[in-house]
Structures are given as structure tokens and as C-alpha cells.
Amino acid sequence: MILDSFTIPSQMTAIGIPVPGGPDALVPEQRPVPVPGEDEVLIRVAAAGVNRPDVLQRQGKYPPPPGASDIPGLEVAGTIVAAGRSADMLVGQRVCALLPGGGYAEYAIAPAGQCLPVPADYDLAEAAALPETLFTVWTNLFERAYVVGGDRVLVHGGTSGIGTMAISLCRLFDIEIIVTCGSDDKCAQALEWGASHAINYKNQDYVAEVKRITGGQGVQAVLDMVGGDYVPRNIECMAEDGRHVSIAVLGGAKTSIFLPTVMSRRLTLTGSTLRPRSSGFKSLVADEIMRTVWPFVEQGRLRPAMDQRFALADAAKAHARMDAGEHFGKIVLTV
């Protein structure tokens, strides 16, 4: 279904990756406007979030899953201008959505079940910065690590999009959060955003600091994006029956751990990747977020930490900023 008030062109500007490489590998191109399937919607994009998986895709290290668009971009916000037969009641709504790809474009397809309504007074650029980190933190920290109020957690990358979202959710759900950052300035930013404690891992031993902060008891959960030699150090930070969730391996895909420690302290080591999961799974997550988290969005109590906004055509500049590692929170492309 297409409403008469929406004029949809046949072509659109999108960001392609003709040859993998650095930020300059992102090139504006003309592409056909996609057509939604039965359970899908077409969103006229107002803004798209920039995430670390986009960088890996640009470098040729993270190809899109089968059937997904080769255009990078895993989250957008905008207005639904067309929809398949089973989703036509959504046409005209302002939404943000989690995508398997295709977000860096003027129009993007999203499964209807992965869309969340954007409140009338909520900025669409901020809304575009929500889905990827919100779905990731919710499924891994709150579902896989099943943290609850009163728990302590350790999250690496405290000023990243994931880290700042974790801080926000922990603050809302009464969870004490310890984060690690790469400078004193970033630690100060994380504390200002709401972290309970921030550790500069470049001049402090984060294992010793976690033990000091927790009085030797350790944390109930660790959310780790580093992998490599961080994993055995993370285990040292964990309380008995603690849960360790790996969501990326930026520091290395292999590690070595002492299994008797895992056994004697009844630790759980798990992990996940969100992008390859089925639309059905992601729709279930969206339903749970709608019930448990979205009231905070509607009240204006949950907003993403926003770094810089770049025009869609300047996607290369946005990626250069992410590569430099100086950002705090989310980088967004505006259309």
C-alpha cells in the first residue's frame, strides 16, 4: 500500500562499497528504490545510525547475511511511505527500525515487526541512534546475562554506542555499572552520562579496580566487546555464578581460560551476534522492548548519547570519525 500523499521516486541516493577499504570506500551511488514484501515496510529515511559492524562491512570483514541489502546501515528512523499487504496499517507512521542492512540510503526496507513508533516530540536523528545498541544491550545484558536491579556489571568501551546505552539502561533499572575507557577524559564523560564507576584501562589495572570497587565480591555480569586476553581477566572480575557475554572480538578471536575456575565458581560464558538472527527473533525482541523499555522513550527518559551528525553524502567523514575513536556515543547520518 502507498498513500497518495507520498510520492516515491524510482531511484534514490545510497552509499555503496564498490571496493572494501578505508572510509573513502564509501561512495554515494544511485540505486533503485526497494519494494517492500508482504511483511515489510518502506521507510523514507530521515537519519541512519553508524555502528561498528558498518565499519567491518566497509573493510570487507563482515558481509551482509544472505538476502540482506549490500548497502551498509543497521538502523534508521523516518516515515513509513509504503508497506506490504500485512503491514499497510503502518503507512504514515514515524518509526525507528532495526535492519539487516540498507540503512545508508534515502529509502530503506524493514521488517514490520522490527519497527518501533517514534513519539511526536522525539528527534528522528536521536531515534535512529536507538535500535542497534538498544536491541544488542537488551538481548545480551538483560536476557542472556539476565541482570536485575541491585546487580553489578562490567562493560568495556564505556563511551561507545553500546557502552552509553548500557549505562542508560542500567541507570533506569537500578543496576550498578562499571565501565572501562581509554582516557581520563572519556572516563569523565562516562561518569557524567551516568556510569557508577569508570576505569582508565590504559593506566589502571581494571581487574584490581573492579575488585576494589566491589570489595572483592566481583560483578554479576560482564558485557565484553574485546575478546582475546580480556576474557581470562574478565573472569577474574566475576562473582560466583557470574555471567560473561561476548558480543565482539575487537581484540582477538582466540583466548585461553582455566576451566577449573569456571567450574568451581559456576560461571556462565556465552555470547551472540544479532545481525544474522531471524526476523522472527528480532520481532520478539522488539515486542519485549516495547513493553519494558519504550515507556522510558515515550517519557523522554531514554535518549541516546549523541556524538556528531553528518550528511548521508559525508558517510566517509562519519566513518573516519569512528575509526579515530574520539567519538562519545552515536554518530548519525542525516538525509
Foldseek 3Di string as FASTA:
>chain_A
DFDPVDDDDQKWWFWAQPDADALVSTAIDIDGQDDAEQQKFKFQFFKFWDDPLLNCLSNVNHAQPPPFDRGATFKTWGATGGHHPVQRVRHGFTWIFGGSGDHLIRMDMGRNLRIDGADPPDDRQQRNQPDPLVLACCCFVCPVQVDAAPFEEEEEPCQEQNNLLNQLVCVVRNYAYEYEDQDPVVQVVSVVSHHNYYHNVVPDPVLVVLCVVVVNQAGQEYEDAADAAVVQSNLSRHHQQHEYEYAHHNNDDDYDHDVVSCVVSVYHYYYDYDSPDDPVVSSVSSVVCVPPPVVCSNVVSDTWDEWEEAASNVSSVQSVVVVVVPTGHIYMHGD
